[in-house]
Amino acid sequence: MVLASVDNPDNGRSNDDAKFAWGAKLGVIYWFIDGVGLKLQTNIISSVQAMGGGLYFGTGGAGAGLSTYSTIYQFGFTSGLVIKIDR
C-alpha cells in the first residue's frame, strides 16, 4: 500500500491518496569459504496508478484481460556480509 500526500506551493492545493502497491526481490549469496559469504540483492517497488479490465466474446471464443498503469517505480540494490553460525 502506498500512502501519498502531495502539496503544490504554487496554488496552495494539496491531495492525499492510497494506492495498491507491489514489489519483487531477487538475490543470491556467494559463499567465499565455509560459513562466510556475500549477499547481493536487488528489488523493485511500484504503485498502481490505474487499472482496467474487459471481457470479449467472438467467433473464436471468449476471453478476459486486465491491465495496469504506473509511472512510479523505486529500484534498490543491497549487499552484505553473511556469516553462518552452526549449532
PDB file of N, CA and C in Angstrom:
ATOM      1  N   MET A   1       0.836  -1.165   0.000  1.00  0.00           N
ATOM      2  CA  MET A   1       0.000   0.000   0.000  1.00  0.00           C
ATOM      3  C   MET A   1       0.885   1.233   0.000  1.00  0.00           C
ATOM      4  N   VAL A   2       0.538   2.199  -0.823  1.00  0.00           N
ATOM      5  CA  VAL A   2       1.248   3.462  -0.875  1.00  0.00           C
ATOM      6  C   VAL A   2       0.313   4.554  -0.368  1.00  0.00           C
ATOM      7  N   LEU A   3       0.770   5.315   0.603  1.00  0.00           N
ATOM      8  CA  LEU A   3       0.034   6.475   1.088  1.00  0.00           C
ATOM      9  C   LEU A   3       0.792   7.706   0.612  1.00  0.00           C
ATOM     10  N   ALA A   4       0.168   8.489  -0.251  1.00  0.00           N
ATOM     11  CA  ALA A   4       0.833   9.650  -0.851  1.00  0.00           C
ATOM     12  C   ALA A   4       0.135  10.932  -0.438  1.00  0.00           C
ATOM     13  N   SER A   5       0.926  11.948  -0.166  1.00  0.00           N
ATOM     14  CA  SER A   5       0.419  13.274   0.152  1.00  0.00           C
ATOM     15  C   SER A   5       1.209  14.283  -0.684  1.00  0.00           C
ATOM     16  N   VAL A   6       0.497  15.062  -1.499  1.00  0.00           N
ATOM     17  CA  VAL A   6       1.141  15.990  -2.418  1.00  0.00           C
ATOM     18  C   VAL A   6       0.669  17.411  -2.105  1.00  0.00           C
ATOM     19  N   ASP A   7       1.628  18.329  -2.001  1.00  0.00           N
ATOM     20  CA  ASP A   7       1.329  19.751  -1.782  1.00  0.00           C
ATOM     21  C   ASP A   7       1.903  20.554  -2.938  1.00  0.00           C
ATOM     22  N   ASN A   8       1.098  21.471  -3.504  1.00  0.00           N
ATOM     23  CA  ASN A   8       1.543  22.353  -4.573  1.00  0.00           C
ATOM     24  C   ASN A   8       1.674  23.762  -3.999  1.00  0.00           C
ATOM     25  N   PRO A   9       2.903  24.258  -3.811  1.00  0.00           N
ATOM     26  CA  PRO A   9       3.081  25.591  -3.226  1.00  0.00           C
ATOM     27  C   PRO A   9       2.649  26.726  -4.166  1.00  0.00           C
ATOM     28  N   ASP A  10       2.565  26.445  -5.481  1.00  0.00           N
ATOM     29  CA  ASP A  10       2.190  27.497  -6.426  1.00  0.00           C
ATOM     30  C   ASP A  10       0.735  27.924  -6.271  1.00  0.00           C
ATOM     31  N   ASN A  11      -0.169  26.938  -6.084  1.00  0.00           N
ATOM     32  CA  ASN A  11      -1.579  27.306  -5.953  1.00  0.00           C
ATOM     33  C   ASN A  11      -2.160  26.949  -4.592  1.00  0.00           C
ATOM     34  N   GLY A  12      -1.364  26.400  -3.683  1.00  0.00           N
ATOM     35  CA  GLY A  12      -1.823  26.107  -2.332  1.00  0.00           C
ATOM     36  C   GLY A  12      -2.708  24.868  -2.221  1.00  0.00           C
ATOM     37  N   ARG A  13      -2.809  24.072  -3.261  1.00  0.00           N
ATOM     38  CA  ARG A  13      -3.659  22.882  -3.219  1.00  0.00           C
ATOM     39  C   ARG A  13      -2.861  21.675  -2.732  1.00  0.00           C
ATOM     40  N   SER A  14      -3.579  20.737  -2.108  1.00  0.00           N
ATOM     41  CA  SER A  14      -2.959  19.503  -1.653  1.00  0.00           C
ATOM     42  C   SER A  14      -3.935  18.350  -1.867  1.00  0.00           C
ATOM     43  N   ASN A  15      -3.388  17.136  -1.893  1.00  0.00           N
ATOM     44  CA  ASN A  15      -4.213  15.957  -2.114  1.00  0.00           C
ATOM     45  C   ASN A  15      -3.565  14.759  -1.422  1.00  0.00           C
ATOM     46  N   ASP A  16      -4.387  13.869  -0.878  1.00  0.00           N
ATOM     47  CA  ASP A  16      -3.945  12.628  -0.260  1.00  0.00           C
ATOM     48  C   ASP A  16      -4.585  11.465  -1.000  1.00  0.00           C
ATOM     49  N   ASP A  17      -3.848  10.351  -1.110  1.00  0.00           N
ATOM     50  CA  ASP A  17      -4.399   9.195  -1.811  1.00  0.00           C
ATOM     51  C   ASP A  17      -3.740   7.929  -1.293  1.00  0.00           C
ATOM     52  N   ALA A  18      -4.452   6.818  -1.399  1.00  0.00           N
ATOM     53  CA  ALA A  18      -3.929   5.493  -1.061  1.00  0.00           C
ATOM     54  C   ALA A  18      -4.046   4.619  -2.300  1.00  0.00           C
ATOM     55  N   LYS A  19      -2.983   3.915  -2.635  1.00  0.00           N
ATOM     56  CA  LYS A  19      -2.943   3.087  -3.841  1.00  0.00           C
ATOM     57  C   LYS A  19      -2.420   1.694  -3.503  1.00  0.00           C
ATOM     58  N   PHE A  20      -2.802   0.723  -4.337  1.00  0.00           N
ATOM     59  CA  PHE A  20      -2.265  -0.630  -4.254  1.00  0.00           C
ATOM     60  C   PHE A  20      -0.816  -0.601  -4.741  1.00  0.00           C
ATOM     61  N   ALA A  21       0.050  -1.356  -4.099  1.00  0.00           N
ATOM     62  CA  ALA A  21       1.455  -1.407  -4.493  1.00  0.00           C
ATOM     63  C   ALA A  21       1.915  -2.862  -4.570  1.00  0.00           C
ATOM     64  N   TRP A  22       2.963  -3.079  -5.358  1.00  0.00           N
ATOM     65  CA  TRP A  22       3.554  -4.408  -5.470  1.00  0.00           C
ATOM     66  C   TRP A  22       5.069  -4.271  -5.455  1.00  0.00           C
ATOM     67  N   GLY A  23       5.726  -5.363  -5.120  1.00  0.00           N
ATOM     68  CA  GLY A  23       7.173  -5.350  -5.085  1.00  0.00           C
ATOM     69  C   GLY A  23       7.733  -6.729  -5.366  1.00  0.00           C
ATOM     70  N   ALA A  24       8.998  -6.773  -5.751  1.00  0.00           N
ATOM     71  CA  ALA A  24       9.678  -8.036  -6.022  1.00  0.00           C
ATOM     72  C   ALA A  24      11.150  -7.907  -5.634  1.00  0.00           C
ATOM     73  N   LYS A  25      11.715  -9.017  -5.166  1.00  0.00           N
ATOM     74  CA  LYS A  25      13.128  -9.062  -4.793  1.00  0.00           C
ATOM     75  C   LYS A  25      13.789 -10.248  -5.474  1.00  0.00           C
ATOM     76  N   LEU A  26      15.074 -10.090  -5.766  1.00  0.00           N
ATOM     77  CA  LEU A  26      15.864 -11.159  -6.340  1.00  0.00           C
ATOM     78  C   LEU A  26      17.263 -11.066  -5.736  1.00  0.00           C
ATOM     79  N   GLY A  27      17.759 -12.188  -5.241  1.00  0.00           N
ATOM     80  CA  GLY A  27      19.071 -12.133  -4.613  1.00  0.00           C
ATOM     81  C   GLY A  27      19.816 -13.447  -4.674  1.00  0.00           C
ATOM     82  N   VAL A  28      21.091 -13.378  -4.301  1.00  0.00           N
ATOM     83  CA  VAL A  28      21.964 -14.543  -4.314  1.00  0.00           C
ATOM     84  C   VAL A  28      22.994 -14.372  -3.198  1.00  0.00           C
ATOM     85  N   ILE A  29      23.425 -15.505  -2.659  1.00  0.00           N
ATOM     86  CA  ILE A  29      24.528 -15.499  -1.691  1.00  0.00           C
ATOM     87  C   ILE A  29      25.687 -16.283  -2.292  1.00  0.00           C
ATOM     88  N   TYR A  30      26.851 -15.658  -2.373  1.00  0.00           N
ATOM     89  CA  TYR A  30      28.065 -16.314  -2.869  1.00  0.00           C
ATOM     90  C   TYR A  30      28.929 -16.640  -1.652  1.00  0.00           C
ATOM     91  N   TRP A  31      29.177 -17.920  -1.425  1.00  0.00           N
ATOM     92  CA  TRP A  31      29.973 -18.360  -0.278  1.00  0.00           C
ATOM     93  C   TRP A  31      31.451 -18.379  -0.664  1.00  0.00           C
ATOM     94  N   PHE A  32      32.252 -17.531  -0.006  1.00  0.00           N
ATOM     95  CA  PHE A  32      33.697 -17.498  -0.243  1.00  0.00           C
ATOM     96  C   PHE A  32      34.362 -18.738   0.350  1.00  0.00           C
ATOM     97  N   ILE A  33      34.092 -18.947   1.626  1.00  0.00           N
ATOM     98  CA  ILE A  33      34.579 -20.119   2.348  1.00  0.00           C
ATOM     99  C   ILE A  33      33.403 -20.660   3.148  1.00  0.00           C
ATOM    100  N   ASP A  34      33.604 -21.794   3.798  1.00  0.00           N
ATOM    101  CA  ASP A  34      32.522 -22.400   4.572  1.00  0.00           C
ATOM    102  C   ASP A  34      32.097 -21.469   5.715  1.00  0.00           C
ATOM    103  N   GLY A  35      30.906 -20.920   5.617  1.00  0.00           N
ATOM    104  CA  GLY A  35      30.359 -20.077   6.681  1.00  0.00           C
ATOM    105  C   GLY A  35      30.493 -18.588   6.472  1.00  0.00           C
ATOM    106  N   VAL A  36      31.180 -18.120   5.423  1.00  0.00           N
ATOM    107  CA  VAL A  36      31.340 -16.686   5.161  1.00  0.00           C
ATOM    108  C   VAL A  36      31.007 -16.425   3.692  1.00  0.00           C
ATOM    109  N   GLY A  37      30.080 -15.503   3.469  1.00  0.00           N
ATOM    110  CA  GLY A  37      29.672 -15.225   2.100  1.00  0.00           C
ATOM    111  C   GLY A  37      29.277 -13.781   1.886  1.00  0.00           C
ATOM    112  N   LEU A  38      28.926 -13.481   0.657  1.00  0.00           N
ATOM    113  CA  LEU A  38      28.489 -12.145   0.256  1.00  0.00           C
ATOM    114  C   LEU A  38      27.082 -12.257  -0.319  1.00  0.00           C
ATOM    115  N   LYS A  39      26.153 -11.452   0.197  1.00  0.00           N
ATOM    116  CA  LYS A  39      24.772 -11.438  -0.290  1.00  0.00           C
ATOM    117  C   LYS A  39      24.571 -10.221  -1.187  1.00  0.00           C
ATOM    118  N   LEU A  40      24.042 -10.460  -2.391  1.00  0.00           N
ATOM    119  CA  LEU A  40      23.693  -9.396  -3.328  1.00  0.00           C
ATOM    120  C   LEU A  40      22.198  -9.488  -3.589  1.00  0.00           C
ATOM    121  N   GLN A  41      21.503  -8.370  -3.504  1.00  0.00           N
ATOM    122  CA  GLN A  41      20.051  -8.374  -3.665  1.00  0.00           C
ATOM    123  C   GLN A  41      19.603  -7.108  -4.379  1.00  0.00           C
ATOM    124  N   THR A  42      18.612  -7.246  -5.253  1.00  0.00           N
ATOM    125  CA  THR A  42      18.009  -6.106  -5.928  1.00  0.00           C
ATOM    126  C   THR A  42      16.499  -6.185  -5.743  1.00  0.00           C
ATOM    127  N   ASN A  43      15.833  -5.035  -5.772  1.00  0.00           N
ATOM    128  CA  ASN A  43      14.383  -5.029  -5.612  1.00  0.00           C
ATOM    129  C   ASN A  43      13.745  -3.920  -6.444  1.00  0.00           C
ATOM    130  N   ILE A  44      12.449  -4.074  -6.660  1.00  0.00           N
ATOM    131  CA  ILE A  44      11.642  -3.077  -7.363  1.00  0.00           C
ATOM    132  C   ILE A  44      10.319  -2.948  -6.614  1.00  0.00           C
ATOM    133  N   ILE A  45       9.857  -1.721  -6.475  1.00  0.00           N
ATOM    134  CA  ILE A  45       8.576  -1.419  -5.842  1.00  0.00           C
ATOM    135  C   ILE A  45       7.834  -0.448  -6.745  1.00  0.00           C
ATOM    136  N   SER A  46       6.539  -0.656  -6.927  1.00  0.00           N
ATOM    137  CA  SER A  46       5.741   0.229  -7.770  1.00  0.00           C
ATOM    138  C   SER A  46       4.330   0.337  -7.207  1.00  0.00           C
ATOM    139  N   SER A  47       3.727   1.487  -7.367  1.00  0.00           N
ATOM    140  CA  SER A  47       2.320   1.649  -7.001  1.00  0.00           C
ATOM    141  C   SER A  47       1.491   1.686  -8.280  1.00  0.00           C
ATOM    142  N   VAL A  48       0.333   1.066  -8.225  1.00  0.00           N
ATOM    143  CA  VAL A  48      -0.555   1.010  -9.385  1.00  0.00           C
ATOM    144  C   VAL A  48      -1.386   2.292  -9.404  1.00  0.00           C
ATOM    145  N   GLN A  49      -1.255   3.073 -10.487  1.00  0.00           N
ATOM    146  CA  GLN A  49      -1.996   4.328 -10.595  1.00  0.00           C
ATOM    147  C   GLN A  49      -3.360   4.124 -11.236  1.00  0.00           C
ATOM    148  N   ALA A  50      -3.467   3.192 -12.140  1.00  0.00           N
ATOM    149  CA  ALA A  50      -4.749   2.928 -12.798  1.00  0.00           C
ATOM    150  C   ALA A  50      -4.817   1.450 -13.169  1.00  0.00           C
ATOM    151  N   MET A  51      -6.037   0.915 -13.178  1.00  0.00           N
ATOM    152  CA  MET A  51      -6.241  -0.483 -13.513  1.00  0.00           C
ATOM    153  C   MET A  51      -7.524  -0.597 -14.324  1.00  0.00           C
ATOM    154  N   GLY A  52      -7.503  -1.451 -15.324  1.00  0.00           N
ATOM    155  CA  GLY A  52      -8.695  -1.655 -16.135  1.00  0.00           C
ATOM    156  C   GLY A  52      -8.779  -3.084 -16.613  1.00  0.00           C
ATOM    157  N   GLY A  53      -9.946  -3.455 -17.029  1.00  0.00           N
ATOM    158  CA  GLY A  53     -10.134  -4.816 -17.494  1.00  0.00           C
ATOM    159  C   GLY A  53     -11.299  -4.895 -18.454  1.00  0.00           C
ATOM    160  N   GLY A  54     -11.454  -6.040 -19.076  1.00  0.00           N
ATOM    161  CA  GLY A  54     -12.557  -6.206 -20.004  1.00  0.00           C
ATOM    162  C   GLY A  54     -12.798  -7.660 -20.343  1.00  0.00           C
ATOM    163  N   LEU A  55     -13.968  -7.906 -20.863  1.00  0.00           N
ATOM    164  CA  LEU A  55     -14.366  -9.218 -21.355  1.00  0.00           C
ATOM    165  C   LEU A  55     -14.655  -9.093 -22.833  1.00  0.00           C
ATOM    166  N   TYR A  56     -14.313 -10.106 -23.595  1.00  0.00           N
ATOM    167  CA  TYR A  56     -14.625 -10.060 -25.017  1.00  0.00           C
ATOM    168  C   TYR A  56     -15.161 -11.412 -25.467  1.00  0.00           C
ATOM    169  N   PHE A  57     -16.064 -11.347 -26.417  1.00  0.00           N
ATOM    170  CA  PHE A  57     -16.691 -12.531 -26.985  1.00  0.00           C
ATOM    171  C   PHE A  57     -16.617 -12.432 -28.504  1.00  0.00           C
ATOM    172  N   GLY A  58     -16.356 -13.532 -29.158  1.00  0.00           N
ATOM    173  CA  GLY A  58     -16.280 -13.519 -30.611  1.00  0.00           C
ATOM    174  C   GLY A  58     -16.445 -14.922 -31.173  1.00  0.00           C
ATOM    175  N   THR A  59     -16.236 -15.013 -32.469  1.00  0.00           N
ATOM    176  CA  THR A  59     -16.409 -16.312 -33.122  1.00  0.00           C
ATOM    177  C   THR A  59     -15.321 -17.304 -32.707  1.00  0.00           C
ATOM    178  N   GLY A  60     -14.179 -16.812 -32.258  1.00  0.00           N
ATOM    179  CA  GLY A  60     -13.098 -17.683 -31.821  1.00  0.00           C
ATOM    180  C   GLY A  60     -13.185 -18.057 -30.351  1.00  0.00           C
ATOM    181  N   GLY A  61     -14.171 -17.552 -29.643  1.00  0.00           N
ATOM    182  CA  GLY A  61     -14.316 -17.860 -28.221  1.00  0.00           C
ATOM    183  C   GLY A  61     -14.442 -16.604 -27.389  1.00  0.00           C
ATOM    184  N   ALA A  62     -14.214 -16.752 -26.111  1.00  0.00           N
ATOM    185  CA  ALA A  62     -14.341 -15.644 -25.169  1.00  0.00           C
ATOM    186  C   ALA A  62     -13.042 -15.496 -24.397  1.00  0.00           C
ATOM    187  N   GLY A  63     -12.854 -14.337 -23.821  1.00  0.00           N
ATOM    188  CA  GLY A  63     -11.648 -14.099 -23.044  1.00  0.00           C
ATOM    189  C   GLY A  63     -11.804 -12.917 -22.121  1.00  0.00           C
ATOM    190  N   ALA A  64     -10.801 -12.721 -21.295  1.00  0.00           N
ATOM    191  CA  ALA A  64     -10.791 -11.602 -20.355  1.00  0.00           C
ATOM    192  C   ALA A  64      -9.385 -11.026 -20.312  1.00  0.00           C
ATOM    193  N   GLY A  65      -9.290  -9.749 -20.020  1.00  0.00           N
ATOM    194  CA  GLY A  65      -7.994  -9.091 -19.933  1.00  0.00           C
ATOM    195  C   GLY A  65      -7.956  -8.113 -18.779  1.00  0.00           C
ATOM    196  N   LEU A  66      -6.774  -7.900 -18.225  1.00  0.00           N
ATOM    197  CA  LEU A  66      -6.573  -6.964 -17.137  1.00  0.00           C
ATOM    198  C   LEU A  66      -5.257  -6.246 -17.383  1.00  0.00           C
ATOM    199  N   SER A  67      -5.246  -4.932 -17.245  1.00  0.00           N
ATOM    200  CA  SER A  67      -4.017  -4.168 -17.441  1.00  0.00           C
ATOM    201  C   SER A  67      -3.886  -3.121 -16.350  1.00  0.00           C
ATOM    202  N   THR A  68      -2.641  -2.766 -16.042  1.00  0.00           N
ATOM    203  CA  THR A  68      -2.358  -1.743 -15.040  1.00  0.00           C
ATOM    204  C   THR A  68      -1.432  -0.696 -15.641  1.00  0.00           C
ATOM    205  N   TYR A  69      -1.365   0.452 -14.968  1.00  0.00           N
ATOM    206  CA  TYR A  69      -0.551   1.568 -15.439  1.00  0.00           C
ATOM    207  C   TYR A  69       0.129   2.208 -14.241  1.00  0.00           C
ATOM    208  N   SER A  70       1.400   2.523 -14.370  1.00  0.00           N
ATOM    209  CA  SER A  70       2.122   3.207 -13.315  1.00  0.00           C
ATOM    210  C   SER A  70       3.316   3.953 -13.894  1.00  0.00           C
ATOM    211  N   THR A  71       3.616   5.106 -13.316  1.00  0.00           N
ATOM    212  CA  THR A  71       4.833   5.836 -13.650  1.00  0.00           C
ATOM    213  C   THR A  71       5.730   5.977 -12.426  1.00  0.00           C
ATOM    214  N   ILE A  72       5.354   5.339 -11.325  1.00  0.00           N
ATOM    215  CA  ILE A  72       6.119   5.431 -10.086  1.00  0.00           C
ATOM    216  C   ILE A  72       6.820   4.099  -9.859  1.00  0.00           C
ATOM    217  N   TYR A  73       8.153   4.111  -9.935  1.00  0.00           N
ATOM    218  CA  TYR A  73       8.957   2.922  -9.696  1.00  0.00           C
ATOM    219  C   TYR A  73      10.102   3.286  -8.769  1.00  0.00           C
ATOM    220  N   GLN A  74      10.425   2.389  -7.864  1.00  0.00           N
ATOM    221  CA  GLN A  74      11.571   2.570  -6.986  1.00  0.00           C
ATOM    222  C   GLN A  74      12.434   1.325  -7.097  1.00  0.00           C
ATOM    223  N   PHE A  75      13.716   1.511  -7.370  1.00  0.00           N
ATOM    224  CA  PHE A  75      14.657   0.411  -7.512  1.00  0.00           C
ATOM    225  C   PHE A  75      15.659   0.470  -6.369  1.00  0.00           C
ATOM    226  N   GLY A  76      16.133  -0.680  -5.961  1.00  0.00           N
ATOM    227  CA  GLY A  76      17.123  -0.719  -4.893  1.00  0.00           C
ATOM    228  C   GLY A  76      18.121  -1.830  -5.104  1.00  0.00           C
ATOM    229  N   PHE A  77      19.291  -1.669  -4.523  1.00  0.00           N
ATOM    230  CA  PHE A  77      20.341  -2.674  -4.575  1.00  0.00           C
ATOM    231  C   PHE A  77      21.015  -2.703  -3.216  1.00  0.00           C
ATOM    232  N   THR A  78      21.152  -3.895  -2.639  1.00  0.00           N
ATOM    233  CA  THR A  78      21.812  -4.033  -1.347  1.00  0.00           C
ATOM    234  C   THR A  78      22.830  -5.163  -1.411  1.00  0.00           C
ATOM    235  N   SER A  79      23.786  -5.103  -0.517  1.00  0.00           N
ATOM    236  CA  SER A  79      24.762  -6.170  -0.361  1.00  0.00           C
ATOM    237  C   SER A  79      25.155  -6.246   1.099  1.00  0.00           C
ATOM    238  N   GLY A  80      25.671  -7.397   1.489  1.00  0.00           N
ATOM    239  CA  GLY A  80      26.071  -7.547   2.873  1.00  0.00           C
ATOM    240  C   GLY A  80      26.913  -8.779   3.103  1.00  0.00           C
ATOM    241  N   LEU A  81      27.576  -8.799   4.218  1.00  0.00           N
ATOM    242  CA  LEU A  81      28.396  -9.924   4.633  1.00  0.00           C
ATOM    243  C   LEU A  81      27.500 -10.933   5.349  1.00  0.00           C
ATOM    244  N   VAL A  82      27.597 -12.203   4.978  1.00  0.00           N
ATOM    245  CA  VAL A  82      26.789 -13.263   5.584  1.00  0.00           C
ATOM    246  C   VAL A  82      27.717 -14.193   6.360  1.00  0.00           C
ATOM    247  N   ILE A  83      27.365 -14.434   7.627  1.00  0.00           N
ATOM    248  CA  ILE A  83      28.128 -15.355   8.460  1.00  0.00           C
ATOM    249  C   ILE A  83      27.178 -16.421   8.960  1.00  0.00           C
ATOM    250  N   LYS A  84      27.459 -17.683   8.612  1.00  0.00           N
ATOM    251  CA  LYS A  84      26.621 -18.807   9.036  1.00  0.00           C
ATOM    252  C   LYS A  84      27.114 -19.300  10.381  1.00  0.00           C
ATOM    253  N   ILE A  85      26.186 -19.412  11.327  1.00  0.00           N
ATOM    254  CA  ILE A  85      26.514 -19.909  12.672  1.00  0.00           C
ATOM    255  C   ILE A  85      25.856 -21.262  12.839  1.00  0.00           C
ATOM    256  N   ASP A  86      26.643 -22.303  12.952  1.00  0.00           N
ATOM    257  CA  ASP A  86      26.134 -23.663  13.159  1.00  0.00           C
ATOM    258  C   ASP A  86      26.071 -23.959  14.638  1.00  0.00           C
ATOM    259  N   ARG A  87      25.050 -24.735  15.026  1.00  0.00           N
ATOM    260  CA  ARG A  87      24.934 -25.125  16.442  1.00  0.00           C
ATOM    261  C   ARG A  87      25.406 -26.534  16.624  1.00  0.00           C
TER     262      ARG A  87
END
